[in-house]
């Protein structure tokens, strides 16, 4: 598992924009920026949709005021699902990272296998990175939602 002081792994993410599919690599996303990244097991799932993502949406301005350049939400879903979830949640202030095959989540060492329920998913976690280096990391215990919520991350800043 990635630890404090390590660089985030390299990779690419696909985004759906008005112009169509766009691809950005992790350097473009994280280099020279202070980033809060939180991960959810799945878009449109109960805790993720009712509490995790909405907390960051509500506090986005406070994160920006605290010096955060970008807030990212990571999920092992495709880019179309992440775009639809972003729109459904009015989460335009959040950069949605679709890790369709789970490769970036695996590279972080924060993937979990859910079998027939959903396959590979991200563990619920959050981190603060500066210029692509992890400053703080908060990994939830299985079935918990206590340390990766928006309020906890804002307090950690």
Protein backbone atom coordinates (compact mmCIF):
# COMPACT_ATOMS: atom_id res chain seq x y z
CA UNK A 1 0.00 0.00 0.00
CA UNK A 2 1.20 3.49 -0.80
CA UNK A 3 2.50 5.36 2.23
CA UNK A 4 3.11 8.94 3.29
CA UNK A 5 6.14 10.34 1.49
CA UNK A 6 5.73 8.21 -1.64
CA UNK A 7 4.88 9.53 -5.08
CA UNK A 8 1.53 8.64 -6.58
CA UNK A 9 1.88 6.02 -9.33
CA UNK A 10 1.81 7.06 -12.96
CA UNK A 11 -1.27 6.36 -15.02
CA UNK A 12 -3.92 7.82 -17.28
CA UNK A 13 -7.55 8.71 -16.73
CA UNK A 14 -10.31 9.20 -19.28
CA UNK A 15 -12.81 12.02 -18.89
CA UNK A 16 -16.04 12.63 -20.76
CA UNK A 17 -16.37 16.28 -21.78
CA UNK A 18 -18.56 18.22 -24.19
CA UNK A 19 -15.84 17.59 -26.77
CA UNK A 20 -15.90 13.81 -26.18
CA UNK A 21 -13.38 11.54 -24.47
CA UNK A 22 -10.26 13.22 -23.11
CA UNK A 23 -7.25 11.50 -21.54
CA UNK A 24 -4.99 13.08 -18.91
CA UNK A 25 -2.02 11.49 -17.24
CA UNK A 26 -1.27 11.69 -13.54
CA UNK A 27 1.48 14.23 -14.09
CA UNK A 28 -1.00 16.69 -15.59
CA UNK A 29 -3.44 15.99 -12.75
CA UNK A 30 -1.06 16.19 -9.78
CA UNK A 31 2.21 17.96 -10.69
CA UNK A 32 2.62 21.31 -8.96
CA UNK A 33 -0.75 21.00 -7.20
CA UNK A 34 -2.07 20.27 -3.76
CA UNK A 35 -4.74 17.63 -4.25
CA UNK A 36 -7.29 15.96 -2.02
CA UNK A 37 -8.19 12.58 -3.47
CA UNK A 38 -10.87 10.35 -2.00
CA UNK A 39 -11.89 6.92 -3.23
CA UNK A 40 -15.22 5.18 -3.12
CA UNK A 41 -16.11 1.53 -3.77
CA UNK A 42 -18.65 2.47 -6.43
CA UNK A 43 -20.56 5.32 -8.02
CA UNK A 44 -24.28 5.45 -7.22
CA UNK A 45 -23.86 3.20 -4.15
CA UNK A 46 -25.61 4.23 -0.89
CA UNK A 47 -22.82 5.57 1.36
CA UNK A 48 -20.91 6.96 -1.61
CA UNK A 49 -23.92 8.84 -2.98
CA UNK A 50 -25.58 9.83 0.29
CA UNK A 51 -22.55 10.91 2.32
CA UNK A 52 -19.06 10.56 0.85
CA UNK A 53 -19.27 12.54 -2.41
CA UNK A 54 -21.86 15.06 -1.12
CA UNK A 55 -19.59 16.05 1.76
CA UNK A 56 -16.86 17.09 -0.65
CA UNK A 57 -19.34 18.89 -2.88
CA UNK A 58 -20.65 20.94 0.06
CA UNK A 59 -17.17 21.78 1.38
CA UNK A 60 -15.42 22.34 -1.98
CA UNK A 61 -15.08 26.10 -1.44
CA UNK A 62 -13.57 25.55 2.01
CA UNK A 63 -11.01 23.13 0.55
CA UNK A 64 -10.07 25.74 -2.06
CA UNK A 65 -9.76 28.38 0.67
CA UNK A 66 -7.44 26.01 2.58
CA UNK A 67 -5.05 25.84 -0.38
CA UNK A 68 -6.33 22.77 -2.22
CA UNK A 69 -6.06 23.12 -5.99
CA UNK A 70 -8.08 20.05 -6.95
CA UNK A 71 -10.48 17.62 -5.29
CA UNK A 72 -10.56 14.21 -6.98
CA UNK A 73 -12.97 11.33 -6.53
CA UNK A 74 -11.60 7.92 -7.59
CA UNK A 75 -13.72 4.88 -8.36
CA UNK A 76 -13.29 1.66 -10.30
CA UNK A 77 -16.01 2.59 -12.77
CA UNK A 78 -15.93 3.73 -16.38
CA UNK A 79 -15.75 7.37 -17.43
CA UNK A 80 -19.39 7.45 -18.58
CA UNK A 81 -20.62 6.27 -15.17
CA UNK A 82 -18.41 8.79 -13.36
CA UNK A 83 -19.69 11.63 -15.59
CA UNK A 84 -23.32 10.60 -14.99
CA UNK A 85 -22.69 10.39 -11.23
CA UNK A 86 -21.00 13.80 -11.25
CA UNK A 87 -24.03 15.31 -13.01
CA UNK A 88 -26.53 13.54 -10.72
CA UNK A 89 -24.70 14.84 -7.64
CA UNK A 90 -24.09 18.41 -8.92
CA UNK A 91 -20.41 17.69 -8.34
CA UNK A 92 -18.87 19.98 -10.96
CA UNK A 93 -16.23 21.11 -8.44
CA UNK A 94 -14.95 17.52 -8.15
CA UNK A 95 -12.62 15.90 -10.70
CA UNK A 96 -14.00 12.40 -11.23
CA UNK A 97 -11.28 9.79 -11.82
CA UNK A 98 -12.59 6.70 -13.59
CA UNK A 99 -10.24 3.76 -13.02
CA UNK A 100 -12.13 1.43 -15.36
CA UNK A 101 -9.92 -1.62 -14.97
CA UNK A 102 -8.76 -0.86 -11.43
CA UNK A 103 -5.10 -0.71 -12.48
CA UNK A 104 -4.35 2.61 -10.77
CA UNK A 105 -6.17 1.54 -7.62
CA UNK A 106 -4.09 -1.68 -7.63
CA UNK A 107 -0.90 0.37 -8.14
CA UNK A 108 -1.84 2.31 -5.00
CA UNK A 109 -2.22 -1.01 -3.17
CA UNK A 110 -5.75 0.00 -2.17
CA UNK A 111 -7.87 -2.36 -4.26
CA UNK A 112 -10.22 -4.93 -2.80
CA UNK A 113 -11.82 -7.92 -4.47
CA UNK A 114 -15.59 -8.15 -3.99
CA UNK A 115 -16.11 -11.25 -6.10
CA UNK A 116 -19.37 -11.59 -7.98
CA UNK A 117 -20.77 -8.54 -6.19
CA UNK A 118 -18.67 -6.13 -8.24
CA UNK A 119 -15.17 -7.48 -8.85
CA UNK A 120 -12.21 -5.25 -8.09
CA UNK A 121 -13.15 -2.06 -6.27
CA UNK A 122 -11.30 0.68 -4.41
CA UNK A 123 -11.12 0.54 -0.66
CA UNK A 124 -12.68 3.62 0.88
CA UNK A 125 -9.82 6.04 1.56
CA UNK A 126 -8.65 9.63 1.18
CA UNK A 127 -5.28 11.27 0.83
CA UNK A 128 -3.67 14.65 0.56
CA UNK A 129 -0.91 14.94 -2.03
CA UNK A 130 1.40 17.82 -2.81
CA UNK A 131 3.11 17.81 -6.21
CA UNK A 132 2.21 14.12 -6.55
CA UNK A 133 3.66 13.08 -3.18
CA UNK A 134 1.39 11.71 -0.45
CA UNK A 135 1.38 14.00 2.59
CA UNK A 136 -1.38 12.27 4.53
CA UNK A 137 -3.32 9.03 4.03
CA UNK A 138 -6.56 7.90 5.65
CA UNK A 139 -7.72 4.34 4.93
CA UNK A 140 -11.08 3.17 6.26
CA UNK A 141 -11.49 -0.11 8.10
CA UNK A 142 -13.77 -2.51 6.19
CA UNK A 143 -17.38 -1.35 6.32
CA UNK A 144 -16.50 1.95 8.02
CA UNK A 145 -16.86 5.59 7.00
CA UNK A 146 -15.04 7.54 9.70
CA UNK A 147 -11.70 8.96 8.46
CA UNK A 148 -12.07 9.65 4.72
CA UNK A 149 -15.05 12.00 4.92
CA UNK A 150 -14.77 15.62 3.84
CA UNK A 151 -14.91 17.05 7.35
CA UNK A 152 -12.00 14.86 8.51
CA UNK A 153 -9.87 15.80 5.50
CA UNK A 154 -10.60 19.48 5.91
CA UNK A 155 -9.55 19.24 9.57
CA UNK A 156 -6.34 17.44 8.51
CA UNK A 157 -5.36 20.38 6.30
